[in-house]
Amino acid sequence: MSGIPVAVLPRTLRDAIYITRELGVPYLWVDSICIVQDDDSDWQAESAKMAIVYRESLLTVAAASSPSADHGFLKARQKTREFSMDWICEDGSPTILKTRIDPTHSKPIWETKELPWNHRGWILQEEVLSTRLLVFGDAEIQWRCPSSHRCECHEIDGWTAHWSHLLLKNFQTCSAAYNYWHKLIAESYSLRHFSFPRDRLPAISGIASVIQQQTGSKYLAGLWVENIPLDLCWSRQEFWSRVQPAGGTGIGPAPSPSRPEYRAPSFSWASIDGEVSYMIPCQCDGGGWVSQAECIDASSVPGENPFGQVAEAQVTLRGAVAPCVLDLHISNGVQGWIVNNDAERV
């Protein structure tokens, strides 16, 4: 590297450089180096290119086991416990039988909740958009590409059915893309942590840009205008919570995530911190949805990244409204709020 002595870099970056050189690859892209730090303009411009960076790279080196840039990921592994005993073979000859505990292969590394990698907000794009992933975990290395998922000893089944693999293919319908987006937000992205809450939209902008390219849908601060009625059916996961004693009543309200500086409109899931879910009823009859609401207008004032943070946004809907009451409901130690909308429409 010209101008930056490798020895002064954090250990994780030094490990990544070592791997890159061992693979014979001449170039390495590191966001903390390739994006000018503390330069908002450069950050916005470069964050808009993340889809290209990950999708067009030869491979992505994922330091899944490293909690920070200073810890590194190339380190001695903990030896597994071994057990041995005398054994008599079928032909009567004596031998020694040895066994050891193998690393679990029941889940890919990117589904192992204990690893720091799976809790970082910015990492989801790395996982979803990278064509090839070389993942360094605590116990072993795993490889993932469009055709296979392997650990150090064998291929891991079920990879092609994993939700993150879907983005490597073209969506057959817009509905499939919207369903994928809901699953992505509810099951993974909203559970992740951010050093800066304002990154909640920028850190998923690369995925949004790919979906927009495939569907032609209009993106609006984490929602898709053509699917606005269903995209608005999100709620805080804390809408339901375990009953906690509070003031002797035996009822404790669900905790409310903090609302820091503005980074998204209130109708967007990105406006809050914490896990969200989508309350979309099952289509039991197998038919499609017929929305009773019509989107009249939807617009936003984005920054340099059209899929990133917005300065403001608004949506106007036309449809029937009805008064409703939120009723506190407690059942089997779980409390939540039930929408009582038996009133007449107005």
Protein backbone atom coordinates (compact mmCIF):
# COMPACT_ATOMS: atom_id res chain seq x y z
CA MET A 1 0.00 0.00 0.00
CA SER A 2 1.41 3.36 -0.98
CA GLY A 3 1.42 6.05 1.70
CA ILE A 4 -0.09 3.94 4.49
CA PRO A 5 2.25 1.61 6.40
CA VAL A 6 0.43 -1.67 6.91
CA ALA A 7 1.87 -2.00 10.41
CA VAL A 8 -0.10 1.02 11.68
CA LEU A 9 -3.45 -0.29 10.49
CA PRO A 10 -5.91 -2.02 12.85
CA ARG A 11 -5.44 -5.76 13.16
CA THR A 12 -8.60 -6.69 11.25
CA LEU A 13 -7.45 -4.65 8.25
CA ARG A 14 -3.98 -6.21 8.43
CA ASP A 15 -5.59 -9.66 8.40
CA ALA A 16 -7.71 -8.70 5.38
CA ILE A 17 -4.60 -7.47 3.55
CA TYR A 18 -2.82 -10.74 4.31
CA ILE A 19 -5.73 -12.80 2.93
CA THR A 20 -5.95 -10.62 -0.18
CA ARG A 21 -2.25 -11.04 -0.91
CA GLU A 22 -2.36 -14.80 -0.28
CA LEU A 23 -5.18 -15.07 -2.83
CA GLY A 24 -3.13 -13.14 -5.36
CA VAL A 25 -5.69 -10.34 -5.64
CA PRO A 26 -4.05 -6.95 -6.33
CA TYR A 27 -6.76 -4.67 -4.90
CA LEU A 28 -8.67 -4.41 -1.62
CA TRP A 29 -11.57 -2.04 -0.93
CA VAL A 30 -11.99 -0.98 2.72
CA ASP A 31 -14.75 1.51 3.48
CA SER A 32 -12.94 3.17 6.40
CA ILE A 33 -10.02 3.94 4.06
CA CYS A 34 -11.70 4.38 0.68
CA ILE A 35 -14.39 6.74 2.01
CA VAL A 36 -13.14 10.04 3.38
CA GLN A 37 -14.03 10.01 7.08
CA ASP A 38 -15.88 13.00 8.58
CA ASP A 39 -16.78 14.21 5.07
CA ASP A 40 -20.57 14.03 4.77
CA SER A 41 -20.58 14.80 1.05
CA ASP A 42 -18.11 12.03 0.21
CA TRP A 43 -19.89 9.63 2.56
CA GLN A 44 -23.26 10.19 0.87
CA ALA A 45 -21.77 9.84 -2.61
CA GLU A 46 -19.87 6.65 -1.79
CA SER A 47 -22.67 5.02 0.22
CA ALA A 48 -24.82 5.25 -2.90
CA LYS A 49 -22.32 3.00 -4.72
CA MET A 50 -22.33 0.12 -2.22
CA ALA A 51 -24.45 -2.13 -4.44
CA ILE A 52 -21.84 -1.81 -7.20
CA VAL A 53 -18.94 -2.35 -4.79
CA TYR A 54 -20.29 -5.63 -3.43
CA ARG A 55 -21.88 -7.03 -6.58
CA GLU A 56 -18.93 -6.29 -8.87
CA SER A 57 -16.12 -7.38 -6.54
CA LEU A 58 -14.34 -10.71 -6.97
CA LEU A 59 -15.23 -11.70 -3.41
CA THR A 60 -15.95 -10.23 0.01
CA VAL A 61 -13.83 -11.15 3.03
CA ALA A 62 -16.15 -11.19 6.05
CA ALA A 63 -14.58 -10.93 9.51
CA ALA A 64 -17.61 -12.51 11.19
CA SER A 65 -15.90 -13.31 14.49
CA SER A 66 -14.22 -9.94 15.01
CA PRO A 67 -16.06 -7.53 17.36
CA SER A 68 -14.03 -4.54 16.15
CA ALA A 69 -11.31 -3.42 13.76
CA ASP A 70 -8.70 -3.94 16.48
CA HIS A 71 -9.40 -7.60 17.25
CA GLY A 72 -8.60 -9.26 13.93
CA PHE A 73 -9.97 -12.57 12.66
CA LEU A 74 -6.88 -14.69 11.94
CA LYS A 75 -6.13 -16.35 15.26
CA ALA A 76 -5.45 -19.71 16.81
CA ARG A 77 -8.58 -21.80 17.17
CA GLN A 78 -9.68 -23.39 20.38
CA LYS A 79 -8.96 -27.09 20.28
CA THR A 80 -12.04 -29.28 20.47
CA ARG A 81 -12.29 -31.85 23.25
CA GLU A 82 -11.26 -35.35 22.25
CA PHE A 83 -12.28 -38.70 23.69
CA SER A 84 -10.53 -42.00 23.09
CA MET A 85 -11.14 -45.61 24.15
CA ASP A 86 -9.92 -49.09 23.33
CA TRP A 87 -11.96 -50.78 20.62
CA ILE A 88 -12.20 -54.26 19.18
CA CYS A 89 -12.90 -54.44 15.45
CA GLU A 90 -15.20 -57.03 13.87
CA ASP A 91 -12.19 -59.12 12.87
CA GLY A 92 -11.04 -59.16 16.51
CA SER A 93 -8.10 -56.84 16.08
CA PRO A 94 -7.64 -54.18 18.77
CA THR A 95 -7.61 -50.49 17.93
CA ILE A 96 -8.26 -47.12 19.51
CA LEU A 97 -11.47 -45.24 18.79
CA LYS A 98 -11.20 -41.46 18.91
CA THR A 99 -13.96 -38.89 18.66
CA ARG A 100 -14.08 -35.10 18.84
CA ILE A 101 -16.72 -32.40 18.79
CA ASP A 102 -17.16 -30.91 15.34
CA PRO A 103 -18.23 -27.29 14.80
CA THR A 104 -21.99 -27.20 14.27
CA HIS A 105 -23.14 -27.11 10.67
CA SER A 106 -26.81 -26.72 11.46
CA LYS A 107 -26.68 -23.04 10.51
CA PRO A 108 -24.59 -20.89 8.19
CA ILE A 109 -22.26 -18.45 9.95
CA TRP A 110 -24.51 -15.55 8.95
CA GLU A 111 -27.36 -17.10 10.94
CA THR A 112 -25.33 -17.58 14.13
CA LYS A 113 -26.63 -14.92 16.50
CA GLU A 114 -23.60 -15.06 18.79
CA LEU A 115 -21.26 -13.60 16.18
CA PRO A 116 -20.80 -9.79 16.19
CA TRP A 117 -21.09 -9.76 12.39
CA ASN A 118 -24.78 -10.61 12.53
CA HIS A 119 -25.65 -7.64 14.75
CA ARG A 120 -24.19 -4.82 12.65
CA GLY A 121 -26.55 -2.81 10.49
CA TRP A 122 -24.14 -2.13 7.64
CA ILE A 123 -23.20 -5.81 7.30
CA LEU A 124 -26.54 -6.91 5.82
CA GLN A 125 -25.66 -5.40 2.43
CA GLU A 126 -22.32 -7.21 2.56
CA GLU A 127 -24.17 -10.47 3.13
CA VAL A 128 -26.93 -9.98 0.57
CA LEU A 129 -25.19 -8.18 -2.28
CA SER A 130 -21.82 -9.95 -2.39
CA THR A 131 -21.60 -12.51 -5.17
CA ARG A 132 -18.99 -14.50 -3.23
CA LEU A 133 -18.38 -14.49 0.52
CA LEU A 134 -15.36 -15.85 2.37
CA VAL A 135 -16.52 -15.84 5.98
CA PHE A 136 -14.14 -16.22 8.92
CA GLY A 137 -15.95 -17.50 12.01
CA ASP A 138 -14.74 -18.60 15.44
CA ALA A 139 -14.43 -22.28 14.57
CA GLU A 140 -13.92 -22.41 10.82
CA ILE A 141 -14.06 -20.68 7.46
CA GLN A 142 -17.15 -20.88 5.27
CA TRP A 143 -17.57 -20.14 1.58
CA ARG A 144 -20.74 -18.93 -0.10
CA CYS A 145 -21.41 -18.29 -3.77
CA PRO A 146 -24.51 -18.55 -6.02
CA SER A 147 -24.00 -22.27 -6.59
CA SER A 148 -22.93 -23.58 -3.19
CA HIS A 149 -22.30 -23.04 0.49
CA ARG A 150 -19.42 -24.96 2.01
CA CYS A 151 -17.64 -25.23 5.32
CA GLU A 152 -14.16 -26.71 5.67
CA CYS A 153 -15.34 -30.32 5.56
CA HIS A 154 -18.47 -30.52 3.41
CA GLU A 155 -21.25 -28.70 1.63
CA ILE A 156 -24.04 -27.29 3.79
CA ASP A 157 -27.55 -28.14 2.63
CA GLY A 158 -30.41 -25.70 2.37
CA TRP A 159 -28.38 -22.67 1.29
CA THR A 160 -30.33 -22.04 -1.92
CA ALA A 161 -33.52 -21.65 0.13
CA HIS A 162 -32.01 -19.00 2.39
CA TRP A 163 -33.70 -15.61 2.14
CA SER A 164 -30.51 -13.67 1.44
CA HIS A 165 -29.88 -15.80 -1.64
CA LEU A 166 -33.02 -14.46 -3.31
CA LEU A 167 -31.39 -11.19 -4.29
CA LEU A 168 -28.92 -13.07 -6.48
CA LYS A 169 -31.83 -13.84 -8.79
CA ASN A 170 -34.28 -11.63 -10.62
CA PHE A 171 -37.69 -11.33 -8.98
CA GLN A 172 -40.44 -12.77 -11.14
CA THR A 173 -43.03 -10.29 -9.87
CA CYS A 174 -43.09 -7.01 -7.98
CA SER A 175 -45.13 -8.74 -5.28
CA ALA A 176 -42.27 -11.19 -4.70
CA ALA A 177 -39.87 -8.28 -4.31
CA TYR A 178 -42.14 -6.52 -1.80
CA ASN A 179 -42.57 -9.72 0.24
CA TYR A 180 -38.81 -10.17 0.24
CA TRP A 181 -38.36 -6.59 1.48
CA HIS A 182 -40.79 -7.14 4.37
CA LYS A 183 -39.01 -10.35 5.35
CA LEU A 184 -35.62 -8.66 5.15
CA ILE A 185 -36.66 -5.73 7.36
CA ALA A 186 -38.63 -7.72 9.95
CA GLU A 187 -36.41 -10.80 10.33
CA SER A 188 -32.97 -9.27 10.08
CA TYR A 189 -32.38 -5.60 9.40
CA SER A 190 -34.50 -3.99 12.11
CA LEU A 191 -32.82 -6.20 14.75
CA ARG A 192 -29.35 -4.85 13.96
CA HIS A 193 -27.37 -2.13 15.69
CA PHE A 194 -26.04 1.16 14.34
CA SER A 195 -23.37 3.44 15.75
CA PHE A 196 -25.30 6.29 14.17
CA PRO A 197 -29.11 5.88 13.97
CA ARG A 198 -29.20 8.18 10.94
CA ASP A 199 -27.61 5.33 8.97
CA ARG A 200 -30.79 3.24 9.13
CA LEU A 201 -31.76 4.11 5.54
CA PRO A 202 -28.30 4.56 3.98
CA ALA A 203 -27.12 1.17 5.26
CA ILE A 204 -29.76 -0.62 3.20
CA SER A 205 -29.72 1.75 0.21
CA GLY A 206 -27.71 -0.64 -1.95
CA ILE A 207 -30.33 -3.39 -1.60
CA ALA A 208 -33.10 -0.87 -2.28
CA SER A 209 -31.36 0.30 -5.46
CA VAL A 210 -31.13 -3.27 -6.79
CA ILE A 211 -34.82 -3.92 -6.09
CA GLN A 212 -35.70 -0.63 -7.78
CA GLN A 213 -33.69 -1.63 -10.86
CA GLN A 214 -35.49 -4.97 -11.06
CA THR A 215 -39.03 -3.73 -10.40
CA GLY A 216 -39.07 -0.09 -11.52
CA SER A 217 -40.92 0.76 -8.30
CA LYS A 218 -40.61 4.18 -6.70
CA TYR A 219 -38.72 4.17 -3.41
CA LEU A 220 -39.85 6.39 -0.54
CA ALA A 221 -37.84 6.39 2.70
CA GLY A 222 -37.87 2.61 3.18
CA LEU A 223 -41.25 2.00 1.51
CA TRP A 224 -42.36 1.28 -2.06
CA VAL A 225 -44.98 3.68 -3.40
CA GLU A 226 -46.71 1.04 -5.54
CA ASN A 227 -47.13 -1.09 -2.39
CA ILE A 228 -47.84 1.70 0.09
CA PRO A 229 -51.00 0.19 1.69
CA LEU A 230 -49.14 -2.98 2.75
CA ASP A 231 -45.84 -1.23 3.42
CA LEU A 232 -47.61 0.93 6.00
CA CYS A 233 -48.70 -2.18 7.94
CA TRP A 234 -45.60 -2.20 10.12
CA SER A 235 -45.43 -1.83 13.88
CA ARG A 236 -42.89 -1.95 16.67
CA GLN A 237 -42.22 -5.50 17.77
CA GLU A 238 -42.64 -4.22 21.34
CA PHE A 239 -46.33 -3.76 20.46
CA TRP A 240 -46.53 -7.13 22.23
CA SER A 241 -44.44 -7.63 25.37
CA ARG A 242 -44.13 -9.80 28.43
CA VAL A 243 -45.97 -8.47 31.45
CA GLN A 244 -43.53 -6.85 33.90
CA PRO A 245 -44.53 -5.64 37.38
CA ALA A 246 -44.75 -1.86 37.47
CA GLY A 247 -45.96 0.11 40.46
CA GLY A 248 -47.66 -2.93 41.96
CA THR A 249 -50.19 -3.22 39.11
CA GLY A 250 -48.59 -6.27 37.54
CA ILE A 251 -48.74 -4.52 34.18
CA GLY A 252 -45.71 -2.95 32.53
CA PRO A 253 -46.07 -1.09 29.24
CA ALA A 254 -43.93 -2.08 26.30
CA PRO A 255 -40.75 0.00 26.21
CA SER A 256 -40.71 2.79 23.64
CA PRO A 257 -37.58 3.08 21.52
CA SER A 258 -35.91 6.46 21.54
CA ARG A 259 -36.63 8.98 18.81
CA PRO A 260 -33.33 10.76 18.09
CA GLU A 261 -32.59 13.21 15.30
CA TYR A 262 -34.81 13.11 12.23
CA ARG A 263 -33.78 10.58 9.62
CA ALA A 264 -37.12 9.41 8.19
CA PRO A 265 -40.82 10.37 8.21
CA SER A 266 -43.01 8.94 10.98
CA PHE A 267 -44.83 6.64 8.53
CA SER A 268 -41.55 4.81 7.79
CA TRP A 269 -40.18 1.95 9.89
CA ALA A 270 -36.80 3.69 9.67
CA SER A 271 -38.06 6.52 11.89
CA ILE A 272 -37.72 4.41 15.05
CA ASP A 273 -35.01 2.35 16.70
CA GLY A 274 -35.60 -1.30 17.40
CA GLU A 275 -37.27 -4.34 15.87
CA VAL A 276 -40.34 -3.98 13.66
CA SER A 277 -42.85 -6.46 12.27
CA TYR A 278 -45.48 -6.39 9.55
CA MET A 279 -49.08 -7.06 10.56
CA ILE A 280 -50.33 -8.35 7.21
CA PRO A 281 -53.22 -10.85 7.50
CA CYS A 282 -52.90 -14.20 5.77
CA GLN A 283 -54.54 -14.47 2.35
CA CYS A 284 -56.47 -17.59 3.32
CA ASP A 285 -58.59 -17.64 0.16
CA GLY A 286 -55.51 -17.53 -2.05
CA GLY A 287 -56.71 -14.36 -3.75
CA GLY A 288 -54.91 -11.09 -4.20
CA TRP A 289 -55.28 -7.95 -2.14
CA VAL A 290 -57.72 -5.25 -3.19
CA SER A 291 -56.61 -2.08 -1.48
CA GLN A 292 -59.28 0.25 -0.13
CA ALA A 293 -56.74 3.08 -0.06
CA GLU A 294 -55.39 5.01 -3.03
CA CYS A 295 -52.06 6.78 -3.04
CA ILE A 296 -52.67 10.30 -4.32
CA ASP A 297 -49.18 11.69 -3.89
CA ALA A 298 -45.84 10.59 -2.48
CA SER A 299 -42.59 12.52 -2.52
CA SER A 300 -39.39 13.08 -0.60
CA VAL A 301 -36.37 15.35 -0.48
CA PRO A 302 -33.39 12.98 -0.57
CA GLY A 303 -29.71 13.74 -0.22
CA GLU A 304 -27.02 12.82 -2.73
CA ASN A 305 -28.00 9.17 -2.29
CA PRO A 306 -31.59 8.83 -3.59
CA PHE A 307 -32.01 5.65 -1.54
CA GLY A 308 -30.40 7.03 1.61
CA GLN A 309 -31.34 9.51 4.30
CA VAL A 310 -34.10 12.00 3.46
CA ALA A 311 -34.56 15.58 4.61
CA GLU A 312 -38.34 15.19 4.50
CA ALA A 313 -41.04 13.02 2.92
CA GLN A 314 -44.80 12.96 2.68
CA VAL A 315 -47.55 10.68 1.39
CA THR A 316 -51.22 11.46 0.72
CA LEU A 317 -53.80 8.67 0.70
CA ARG A 318 -57.49 8.62 -0.19
CA GLY A 319 -59.73 6.06 1.49
CA ALA A 320 -62.35 5.30 4.10
CA VAL A 321 -61.59 5.98 7.76
CA ALA A 322 -63.17 4.70 10.93
CA PRO A 323 -62.78 5.57 14.61
CA CYS A 324 -61.11 2.88 16.67
CA VAL A 325 -60.06 2.20 20.23
CA LEU A 326 -56.84 0.56 21.45
CA ASP A 327 -57.67 -2.04 24.10
CA LEU A 328 -55.01 -3.45 26.43
CA HIS A 329 -55.04 -7.23 26.12
CA ILE A 330 -53.28 -9.66 28.49
CA SER A 331 -53.11 -13.39 27.82
CA ASN A 332 -50.71 -16.05 29.12
CA GLY A 333 -48.32 -13.50 30.52
CA VAL A 334 -48.16 -11.48 27.31
CA GLN A 335 -49.61 -8.02 26.96
CA GLY A 336 -50.36 -6.00 23.87
CA TRP A 337 -52.79 -3.61 22.29
CA ILE A 338 -55.79 -4.75 20.27
CA VAL A 339 -57.36 -2.43 17.70
CA ASN A 340 -61.12 -2.35 18.26
CA ASN A 341 -62.52 -1.07 14.98
CA ASP A 342 -66.14 -2.21 15.28
CA ALA A 343 -67.31 1.36 14.88
CA GLU A 344 -69.21 2.52 11.81
CA ARG A 345 -67.24 4.02 8.99
CA VAL A 346 -67.23 7.79 8.71
